[in-house]
Amino acid sequence: MKIRGRYTRGIGGLGAPAVPVRKRQAEDATPSSVDPSDQVSISDRGREIQRARGLALAAPEIRQELVDEIVGQMERGEYRVAGSDVVPRMIREHWMLTAGAVR
């Protein structure tokens, strides 16, 4: 991506007015310009979310032991699924997929 000239478009570029670009001076970036009292704190809820996200990312996408168990049941002819169990899940999944597409 190339940016030319002294001005850039606003975010999205849809009729947004041009905004002048100011070059940062070297002294603005020195550590001495940082206020030592600046702090960032993460709430307990934020820490919970970080932990949950980490666990979700670390988990395998496929639970192989469950897949192996079901395949074994199918091979032995023991796997039975009632239509009354499948239909509500299909409807829920369809609803979630279509609701996600709308957003």
C-alpha atoms as a PDB file:
ATOM      1  CA  MET A   1       0.000   0.000   0.000  1.00  0.00           C
ATOM      2  CA  LYS A   2       1.371   3.385  -0.920  1.00  0.00           C
ATOM      3  CA  ILE A   3       0.440   6.607   0.780  1.00  0.00           C
ATOM      4  CA  ARG A   4       1.249   9.647  -1.277  1.00  0.00           C
ATOM      5  CA  GLY A   5       1.186  13.291  -0.566  1.00  0.00           C
ATOM      6  CA  ARG A   6       0.766  15.171   2.641  1.00  0.00           C
ATOM      7  CA  TYR A   7      -2.836  14.243   3.313  1.00  0.00           C
ATOM      8  CA  THR A   8      -4.640  10.995   3.859  1.00  0.00           C
ATOM      9  CA  ARG A   9      -8.297  10.066   3.703  1.00  0.00           C
ATOM     10  CA  GLY A  10     -10.303   9.493   6.863  1.00  0.00           C
ATOM     11  CA  ILE A  11     -11.154   5.983   7.965  1.00  0.00           C
ATOM     12  CA  GLY A  12     -13.126   4.239   5.277  1.00  0.00           C
ATOM     13  CA  GLY A  13     -12.395   6.995   2.766  1.00  0.00           C
ATOM     14  CA  LEU A  14     -16.097   7.421   1.958  1.00  0.00           C
ATOM     15  CA  GLY A  15     -16.396  11.143   1.597  1.00  0.00           C
ATOM     16  CA  ALA A  16     -14.423  11.732   4.753  1.00  0.00           C
ATOM     17  CA  PRO A  17     -12.499  14.981   4.794  1.00  0.00           C
ATOM     18  CA  ALA A  18      -8.760  14.867   4.224  1.00  0.00           C
ATOM     19  CA  VAL A  19      -6.753  14.912   7.432  1.00  0.00           C
ATOM     20  CA  PRO A  20      -3.261  16.434   7.512  1.00  0.00           C
ATOM     21  CA  VAL A  21      -0.540  14.026   8.564  1.00  0.00           C
ATOM     22  CA  ARG A  22       1.814  15.318  11.246  1.00  0.00           C
ATOM     23  CA  LYS A  23       5.219  13.720  11.452  1.00  0.00           C
ATOM     24  CA  ARG A  24       6.247  12.665  14.922  1.00  0.00           C
ATOM     25  CA  GLN A  25       9.335  14.396  16.205  1.00  0.00           C
ATOM     26  CA  ALA A  26      12.115  12.322  17.740  1.00  0.00           C
ATOM     27  CA  GLU A  27      11.728  13.849  21.202  1.00  0.00           C
ATOM     28  CA  ASP A  28       8.074  12.715  21.329  1.00  0.00           C
ATOM     29  CA  ALA A  29       9.213   9.094  21.305  1.00  0.00           C
ATOM     30  CA  THR A  30      11.801   9.256  24.065  1.00  0.00           C
ATOM     31  CA  PRO A  31      11.175   7.270  27.251  1.00  0.00           C
ATOM     32  CA  SER A  32      11.483  10.445  29.319  1.00  0.00           C
ATOM     33  CA  SER A  33       8.199  11.706  27.803  1.00  0.00           C
ATOM     34  CA  VAL A  34       6.316   8.728  29.303  1.00  0.00           C
ATOM     35  CA  ASP A  35       4.616   9.516  32.574  1.00  0.00           C
ATOM     36  CA  PRO A  36       5.796   6.925  35.130  1.00  0.00           C
ATOM     37  CA  SER A  37       2.402   7.091  36.864  1.00  0.00           C
ATOM     38  CA  ASP A  38       0.621   5.683  33.775  1.00  0.00           C
ATOM     39  CA  GLN A  39      -0.799   2.277  34.619  1.00  0.00           C
ATOM     40  CA  VAL A  40      -2.921  -0.369  33.028  1.00  0.00           C
ATOM     41  CA  SER A  41      -5.005  -2.713  35.120  1.00  0.00           C
ATOM     42  CA  ILE A  42      -7.063  -5.646  33.941  1.00  0.00           C
ATOM     43  CA  SER A  43     -10.271  -6.444  35.771  1.00  0.00           C
ATOM     44  CA  ASP A  44     -10.980  -9.872  37.216  1.00  0.00           C
ATOM     45  CA  ARG A  45     -13.499 -10.407  34.417  1.00  0.00           C
ATOM     46  CA  GLY A  46     -10.844  -9.485  31.846  1.00  0.00           C
ATOM     47  CA  ARG A  47      -8.431 -12.003  33.363  1.00  0.00           C
ATOM     48  CA  GLU A  48     -11.190 -14.646  33.242  1.00  0.00           C
ATOM     49  CA  ILE A  49     -11.771 -13.929  29.574  1.00  0.00           C
ATOM     50  CA  GLN A  50      -8.027 -14.105  28.833  1.00  0.00           C
ATOM     51  CA  ARG A  51      -7.772 -17.445  30.628  1.00  0.00           C
ATOM     52  CA  ALA A  52     -10.841 -18.888  28.878  1.00  0.00           C
ATOM     53  CA  ARG A  53      -9.542 -17.747  25.507  1.00  0.00           C
ATOM     54  CA  GLY A  54      -6.168 -19.358  26.174  1.00  0.00           C
ATOM     55  CA  LEU A  55      -7.797 -22.640  27.173  1.00  0.00           C
ATOM     56  CA  ALA A  56     -10.050 -22.598  24.123  1.00  0.00           C
ATOM     57  CA  LEU A  57      -7.124 -21.946  21.797  1.00  0.00           C
ATOM     58  CA  ALA A  58      -5.085 -24.725  23.430  1.00  0.00           C
ATOM     59  CA  ALA A  59      -7.888 -27.296  23.125  1.00  0.00           C
ATOM     60  CA  PRO A  60      -7.869 -29.571  20.084  1.00  0.00           C
ATOM     61  CA  GLU A  61     -10.527 -28.869  17.479  1.00  0.00           C
ATOM     62  CA  ILE A  62     -11.426 -32.557  17.264  1.00  0.00           C
ATOM     63  CA  ARG A  63     -11.890 -34.680  20.362  1.00  0.00           C
ATOM     64  CA  GLN A  64     -10.325 -37.779  18.860  1.00  0.00           C
ATOM     65  CA  GLU A  65     -11.231 -40.078  21.766  1.00  0.00           C
ATOM     66  CA  LEU A  66     -14.921 -39.220  21.283  1.00  0.00           C
ATOM     67  CA  VAL A  67     -14.685 -39.719  17.521  1.00  0.00           C
ATOM     68  CA  ASP A  68     -12.974 -43.099  18.018  1.00  0.00           C
ATOM     69  CA  GLU A  69     -15.670 -44.205  20.465  1.00  0.00           C
ATOM     70  CA  ILE A  70     -18.515 -43.279  18.093  1.00  0.00           C
ATOM     71  CA  VAL A  71     -16.785 -44.914  15.107  1.00  0.00           C
ATOM     72  CA  GLY A  72     -16.396 -48.086  17.175  1.00  0.00           C
ATOM     73  CA  GLN A  73     -20.087 -48.042  18.100  1.00  0.00           C
ATOM     74  CA  MET A  74     -21.028 -47.566  14.439  1.00  0.00           C
ATOM     75  CA  GLU A  75     -18.805 -50.471  13.357  1.00  0.00           C
ATOM     76  CA  ARG A  76     -20.373 -52.727  16.014  1.00  0.00           C
ATOM     77  CA  GLY A  77     -23.888 -51.591  15.038  1.00  0.00           C
ATOM     78  CA  GLU A  78     -24.454 -50.125  18.512  1.00  0.00           C
ATOM     79  CA  TYR A  79     -24.731 -46.450  17.569  1.00  0.00           C
ATOM     80  CA  ARG A  80     -28.321 -45.250  17.826  1.00  0.00           C
ATOM     81  CA  VAL A  81     -29.588 -41.707  17.504  1.00  0.00           C
ATOM     82  CA  ALA A  82     -33.195 -40.714  18.063  1.00  0.00           C
ATOM     83  CA  GLY A  83     -34.641 -38.191  15.635  1.00  0.00           C
ATOM     84  CA  SER A  84     -36.058 -36.294  18.600  1.00  0.00           C
ATOM     85  CA  ASP A  85     -32.448 -35.647  19.704  1.00  0.00           C
ATOM     86  CA  VAL A  86     -31.225 -34.549  16.277  1.00  0.00           C
ATOM     87  CA  VAL A  87     -33.971 -32.148  15.181  1.00  0.00           C
ATOM     88  CA  PRO A  88     -33.642 -29.578  18.019  1.00  0.00           C
ATOM     89  CA  ARG A  89     -29.876 -29.439  17.488  1.00  0.00           C
ATOM     90  CA  MET A  90     -30.300 -28.970  13.730  1.00  0.00           C
ATOM     91  CA  ILE A  91     -32.765 -26.139  14.293  1.00  0.00           C
ATOM     92  CA  ARG A  92     -30.520 -24.487  16.880  1.00  0.00           C
ATOM     93  CA  GLU A  93     -27.477 -24.747  14.598  1.00  0.00           C
ATOM     94  CA  HIS A  94     -29.424 -23.368  11.638  1.00  0.00           C
ATOM     95  CA  TRP A  95     -30.696 -20.478  13.749  1.00  0.00           C
ATOM     96  CA  MET A  96     -27.187 -19.669  15.017  1.00  0.00           C
ATOM     97  CA  LEU A  97     -25.719 -19.790  11.512  1.00  0.00           C
ATOM     98  CA  THR A  98     -28.410 -17.558  10.029  1.00  0.00           C
ATOM     99  CA  ALA A  99     -28.257 -15.143  12.983  1.00  0.00           C
ATOM    100  CA  GLY A 100     -24.485 -14.900  12.538  1.00  0.00           C
ATOM    101  CA  ALA A 101     -24.851 -14.208   8.803  1.00  0.00           C
ATOM    102  CA  VAL A 102     -27.204 -11.297   9.468  1.00  0.00           C
ATOM    103  CA  ARG A 103     -24.766  -9.489  11.732  1.00  0.00           C
END
